[in-house]
Amino acid sequence: MVKLIALYKNPENKEEFDEHYFNTHSPITAKIPGLRKMEVTKIVGSPMGASDYHLLCEMYYDDHDALKAAMKTDEAKASGKDLMGFAGDLVTLMIGEEVDGE
């Protein structure tokens, strides 16, 4: 599986961010064709104490081709537009591949 990973830095107003993220952005993103599952993790700290990060979202696709196809859809474009509008300066996006432990 391939993941599109979104890592969000701490916003100035966490309550306002969460309201938009969970009630507006997540429902838009969940409609992207080819998305197998979406897991959101709230960052609560780190072994060194406080964390600079607020949320991690992992969006799973079958493979790179499925991810590429999904990103061309109207639903993905709507998700991206919303993302840039409320969190463009907070988010880092990455693509990862799941690997089996050896």
N, C-alpha and C. Protein backbone atom coordinates (compact mmCIF):
# COMPACT_ATOMS: atom_id res chain seq x y z
N MET A 1 0.84 -1.19 0.00
CA MET A 1 0.00 0.00 0.00
C MET A 1 0.87 1.24 0.00
N VAL A 2 0.31 2.30 -0.53
CA VAL A 2 0.96 3.60 -0.58
C VAL A 2 0.13 4.56 0.28
N LYS A 3 0.84 5.44 0.98
CA LYS A 3 0.15 6.41 1.84
C LYS A 3 0.48 7.82 1.41
N LEU A 4 -0.52 8.67 1.43
CA LEU A 4 -0.30 10.11 1.39
C LEU A 4 -0.39 10.54 2.85
N ILE A 5 0.68 11.14 3.35
CA ILE A 5 0.77 11.50 4.76
C ILE A 5 0.73 13.02 4.89
N ALA A 6 -0.12 13.51 5.78
CA ALA A 6 -0.20 14.94 6.08
C ALA A 6 0.17 15.13 7.54
N LEU A 7 1.21 15.92 7.78
CA LEU A 7 1.68 16.21 9.12
C LEU A 7 1.45 17.69 9.39
N TYR A 8 0.67 17.98 10.42
CA TYR A 8 0.26 19.35 10.72
C TYR A 8 0.99 19.89 11.95
N LYS A 9 1.59 21.07 11.81
CA LYS A 9 2.19 21.76 12.95
C LYS A 9 1.07 22.29 13.85
N ASN A 10 1.43 22.63 15.08
CA ASN A 10 0.45 23.20 16.00
C ASN A 10 -0.13 24.50 15.45
N PRO A 11 -1.44 24.59 15.34
CA PRO A 11 -2.07 25.85 14.92
C PRO A 11 -2.16 26.82 16.10
N GLU A 12 -2.37 28.07 15.80
CA GLU A 12 -2.53 29.07 16.87
C GLU A 12 -3.75 28.75 17.72
N ASN A 13 -4.85 28.37 17.07
CA ASN A 13 -6.09 28.06 17.77
C ASN A 13 -6.47 26.61 17.47
N LYS A 14 -6.14 25.69 18.38
CA LYS A 14 -6.38 24.27 18.15
C LYS A 14 -7.86 23.94 18.03
N GLU A 15 -8.69 24.59 18.83
CA GLU A 15 -10.13 24.30 18.80
C GLU A 15 -10.71 24.69 17.44
N GLU A 16 -10.35 25.85 16.94
CA GLU A 16 -10.84 26.32 15.64
C GLU A 16 -10.32 25.41 14.52
N PHE A 17 -9.05 25.03 14.61
CA PHE A 17 -8.46 24.13 13.63
C PHE A 17 -9.21 22.80 13.62
N ASP A 18 -9.38 22.20 14.80
CA ASP A 18 -10.06 20.90 14.90
C ASP A 18 -11.48 20.97 14.37
N GLU A 19 -12.18 22.04 14.66
CA GLU A 19 -13.56 22.22 14.18
C GLU A 19 -13.58 22.12 12.65
N HIS A 20 -12.69 22.86 12.00
CA HIS A 20 -12.67 22.84 10.53
C HIS A 20 -12.16 21.49 10.02
N TYR A 21 -11.10 21.01 10.62
CA TYR A 21 -10.49 19.75 10.14
C TYR A 21 -11.49 18.60 10.19
N PHE A 22 -12.10 18.39 11.35
CA PHE A 22 -12.96 17.22 11.51
C PHE A 22 -14.36 17.38 10.92
N ASN A 23 -14.87 18.61 10.84
CA ASN A 23 -16.24 18.81 10.37
C ASN A 23 -16.34 19.24 8.91
N THR A 24 -15.24 19.76 8.35
CA THR A 24 -15.26 20.20 6.96
C THR A 24 -14.23 19.45 6.12
N HIS A 25 -12.96 19.52 6.52
CA HIS A 25 -11.90 18.96 5.67
C HIS A 25 -11.97 17.43 5.57
N SER A 26 -12.07 16.75 6.69
CA SER A 26 -12.10 15.28 6.66
C SER A 26 -13.24 14.73 5.80
N PRO A 27 -14.47 15.25 5.92
CA PRO A 27 -15.54 14.73 5.06
C PRO A 27 -15.28 14.95 3.57
N ILE A 28 -14.64 16.07 3.21
CA ILE A 28 -14.29 16.32 1.80
C ILE A 28 -13.26 15.28 1.35
N THR A 29 -12.23 15.08 2.16
CA THR A 29 -11.14 14.16 1.83
C THR A 29 -11.64 12.72 1.74
N ALA A 30 -12.55 12.34 2.61
CA ALA A 30 -13.06 10.96 2.64
C ALA A 30 -13.76 10.57 1.35
N LYS A 31 -14.17 11.54 0.55
CA LYS A 31 -14.89 11.27 -0.70
C LYS A 31 -13.96 11.02 -1.89
N ILE A 32 -12.64 11.12 -1.69
CA ILE A 32 -11.71 10.95 -2.80
C ILE A 32 -11.77 9.51 -3.30
N PRO A 33 -12.03 9.32 -4.60
CA PRO A 33 -12.09 7.96 -5.15
C PRO A 33 -10.75 7.24 -4.99
N GLY A 34 -10.81 5.96 -4.64
CA GLY A 34 -9.60 5.16 -4.49
C GLY A 34 -9.01 5.18 -3.10
N LEU A 35 -9.48 6.07 -2.25
CA LEU A 35 -8.99 6.13 -0.87
C LEU A 35 -9.50 4.90 -0.12
N ARG A 36 -8.58 4.07 0.36
CA ARG A 36 -8.96 2.83 1.06
C ARG A 36 -9.30 3.07 2.51
N LYS A 37 -8.50 3.87 3.19
CA LYS A 37 -8.81 4.23 4.57
C LYS A 37 -8.03 5.48 4.92
N MET A 38 -8.50 6.15 5.95
CA MET A 38 -7.88 7.38 6.42
C MET A 38 -7.78 7.27 7.94
N GLU A 39 -6.55 7.40 8.45
CA GLU A 39 -6.32 7.34 9.89
C GLU A 39 -5.76 8.67 10.36
N VAL A 40 -6.38 9.23 11.38
CA VAL A 40 -5.93 10.51 11.95
C VAL A 40 -5.44 10.27 13.36
N THR A 41 -4.25 10.78 13.65
CA THR A 41 -3.64 10.66 14.97
C THR A 41 -3.44 12.04 15.55
N LYS A 42 -3.95 12.26 16.75
CA LYS A 42 -3.71 13.53 17.44
C LYS A 42 -2.39 13.39 18.20
N ILE A 43 -1.46 14.29 17.95
CA ILE A 43 -0.16 14.26 18.61
C ILE A 43 -0.32 14.87 20.00
N VAL A 44 0.05 14.13 21.02
CA VAL A 44 -0.14 14.60 22.40
C VAL A 44 1.17 14.90 23.12
N GLY A 45 2.29 14.69 22.45
CA GLY A 45 3.59 14.98 23.05
C GLY A 45 4.66 14.18 22.35
N SER A 46 5.85 14.18 22.93
CA SER A 46 6.96 13.38 22.40
C SER A 46 7.79 12.91 23.58
N PRO A 47 8.68 11.96 23.36
CA PRO A 47 9.53 11.51 24.47
C PRO A 47 10.38 12.64 25.06
N MET A 48 10.58 13.70 24.28
CA MET A 48 11.37 14.84 24.76
C MET A 48 10.49 15.92 25.40
N GLY A 49 9.19 15.68 25.51
CA GLY A 49 8.29 16.66 26.11
C GLY A 49 7.26 17.15 25.11
N ALA A 50 7.17 18.47 24.98
CA ALA A 50 6.19 19.07 24.09
C ALA A 50 6.54 18.77 22.63
N SER A 51 5.52 18.79 21.78
CA SER A 51 5.71 18.55 20.35
C SER A 51 5.31 19.78 19.56
N ASP A 52 5.95 19.98 18.43
CA ASP A 52 5.60 21.07 17.52
C ASP A 52 4.44 20.69 16.61
N TYR A 53 3.97 19.44 16.74
CA TYR A 53 2.97 18.92 15.82
C TYR A 53 1.63 18.64 16.51
N HIS A 54 0.56 18.78 15.72
CA HIS A 54 -0.80 18.65 16.24
C HIS A 54 -1.50 17.38 15.73
N LEU A 55 -1.44 17.14 14.43
CA LEU A 55 -2.13 15.99 13.84
C LEU A 55 -1.27 15.32 12.78
N LEU A 56 -1.52 14.02 12.61
CA LEU A 56 -0.94 13.24 11.52
C LEU A 56 -2.10 12.52 10.85
N CYS A 57 -2.20 12.64 9.54
CA CYS A 57 -3.24 11.93 8.80
C CYS A 57 -2.57 11.04 7.76
N GLU A 58 -2.95 9.76 7.76
CA GLU A 58 -2.44 8.80 6.78
C GLU A 58 -3.61 8.35 5.90
N MET A 59 -3.45 8.58 4.60
CA MET A 59 -4.47 8.23 3.62
C MET A 59 -3.93 7.12 2.73
N TYR A 60 -4.55 5.96 2.76
CA TYR A 60 -4.05 4.75 2.12
C TYR A 60 -4.66 4.53 0.74
N TYR A 61 -3.78 4.17 -0.21
CA TYR A 61 -4.18 3.83 -1.57
C TYR A 61 -3.52 2.50 -1.95
N ASP A 62 -4.10 1.80 -2.94
CA ASP A 62 -3.58 0.49 -3.33
C ASP A 62 -2.14 0.55 -3.81
N ASP A 63 -1.82 1.56 -4.61
CA ASP A 63 -0.48 1.69 -5.17
C ASP A 63 -0.27 3.11 -5.69
N HIS A 64 0.90 3.36 -6.26
CA HIS A 64 1.21 4.71 -6.75
C HIS A 64 0.25 5.14 -7.85
N ASP A 65 -0.11 4.22 -8.73
CA ASP A 65 -1.04 4.57 -9.81
C ASP A 65 -2.40 4.98 -9.26
N ALA A 66 -2.87 4.28 -8.24
CA ALA A 66 -4.16 4.62 -7.64
C ALA A 66 -4.09 6.01 -6.98
N LEU A 67 -2.97 6.31 -6.33
CA LEU A 67 -2.79 7.63 -5.72
C LEU A 67 -2.76 8.71 -6.80
N LYS A 68 -2.01 8.49 -7.86
CA LYS A 68 -1.93 9.47 -8.95
C LYS A 68 -3.30 9.72 -9.56
N ALA A 69 -4.05 8.65 -9.80
CA ALA A 69 -5.39 8.79 -10.38
C ALA A 69 -6.30 9.55 -9.43
N ALA A 70 -6.21 9.24 -8.15
CA ALA A 70 -7.05 9.90 -7.16
C ALA A 70 -6.78 11.40 -7.11
N MET A 71 -5.51 11.79 -7.21
CA MET A 71 -5.14 13.20 -7.09
C MET A 71 -5.64 14.04 -8.25
N LYS A 72 -6.06 13.39 -9.34
CA LYS A 72 -6.58 14.10 -10.51
C LYS A 72 -8.09 14.33 -10.45
N THR A 73 -8.75 13.78 -9.42
CA THR A 73 -10.21 13.87 -9.34
C THR A 73 -10.66 15.21 -8.78
N ASP A 74 -11.91 15.54 -9.06
CA ASP A 74 -12.50 16.78 -8.52
C ASP A 74 -12.52 16.76 -7.00
N GLU A 75 -12.74 15.58 -6.41
CA GLU A 75 -12.78 15.47 -4.95
C GLU A 75 -11.42 15.78 -4.33
N ALA A 76 -10.35 15.30 -4.95
CA ALA A 76 -9.01 15.59 -4.44
C ALA A 76 -8.67 17.07 -4.62
N LYS A 77 -9.09 17.64 -5.73
CA LYS A 77 -8.85 19.07 -5.95
C LYS A 77 -9.59 19.91 -4.92
N ALA A 78 -10.80 19.50 -4.57
CA ALA A 78 -11.57 20.21 -3.54
C ALA A 78 -10.88 20.09 -2.19
N SER A 79 -10.36 18.90 -1.88
CA SER A 79 -9.66 18.69 -0.62
C SER A 79 -8.40 19.55 -0.57
N GLY A 80 -7.65 19.58 -1.66
CA GLY A 80 -6.43 20.38 -1.71
C GLY A 80 -6.71 21.87 -1.57
N LYS A 81 -7.77 22.34 -2.22
CA LYS A 81 -8.14 23.76 -2.13
C LYS A 81 -8.51 24.11 -0.70
N ASP A 82 -9.29 23.25 -0.05
CA ASP A 82 -9.66 23.49 1.33
C ASP A 82 -8.43 23.46 2.23
N LEU A 83 -7.56 22.49 2.01
CA LEU A 83 -6.34 22.36 2.82
C LEU A 83 -5.50 23.63 2.75
N MET A 84 -5.28 24.14 1.57
CA MET A 84 -4.46 25.35 1.43
C MET A 84 -5.13 26.55 2.07
N GLY A 85 -6.46 26.55 2.09
CA GLY A 85 -7.19 27.67 2.67
C GLY A 85 -7.11 27.74 4.19
N PHE A 86 -7.07 26.59 4.86
CA PHE A 86 -7.08 26.65 6.33
C PHE A 86 -5.78 26.19 6.96
N ALA A 87 -4.91 25.49 6.21
CA ALA A 87 -3.71 24.94 6.84
C ALA A 87 -2.49 24.91 5.92
N GLY A 88 -2.50 25.70 4.87
CA GLY A 88 -1.40 25.68 3.91
C GLY A 88 -0.04 25.95 4.53
N ASP A 89 -0.01 26.78 5.57
CA ASP A 89 1.26 27.11 6.21
C ASP A 89 1.60 26.15 7.35
N LEU A 90 0.72 25.20 7.63
CA LEU A 90 0.94 24.26 8.75
C LEU A 90 1.25 22.84 8.32
N VAL A 91 0.96 22.51 7.07
CA VAL A 91 0.99 21.11 6.65
C VAL A 91 2.24 20.77 5.84
N THR A 92 2.75 19.57 6.06
CA THR A 92 3.78 18.96 5.23
C THR A 92 3.17 17.68 4.66
N LEU A 93 3.24 17.51 3.35
CA LEU A 93 2.70 16.33 2.69
C LEU A 93 3.84 15.43 2.22
N MET A 94 3.67 14.12 2.43
CA MET A 94 4.67 13.14 2.04
C MET A 94 3.97 11.92 1.45
N ILE A 95 4.70 11.17 0.62
CA ILE A 95 4.20 9.91 0.10
C ILE A 95 5.09 8.81 0.64
N GLY A 96 4.48 7.76 1.19
CA GLY A 96 5.24 6.65 1.75
C GLY A 96 4.72 5.32 1.27
N GLU A 97 5.57 4.32 1.36
CA GLU A 97 5.20 2.95 1.02
C GLU A 97 5.32 2.10 2.28
N GLU A 98 4.32 1.26 2.51
CA GLU A 98 4.41 0.33 3.62
C GLU A 98 5.45 -0.74 3.28
N VAL A 99 6.24 -1.12 4.28
CA VAL A 99 7.24 -2.17 4.09
C VAL A 99 7.04 -3.24 5.15
N ASP A 100 7.37 -4.46 4.79
CA ASP A 100 7.30 -5.56 5.75
C ASP A 100 8.57 -5.54 6.58
N GLY A 101 8.44 -5.77 7.88
CA GLY A 101 9.61 -5.86 8.76
C GLY A 101 10.43 -7.09 8.40
N GLU A 102 11.71 -6.99 8.60
CA GLU A 102 12.57 -8.13 8.24
C GLU A 102 13.09 -8.81 9.47
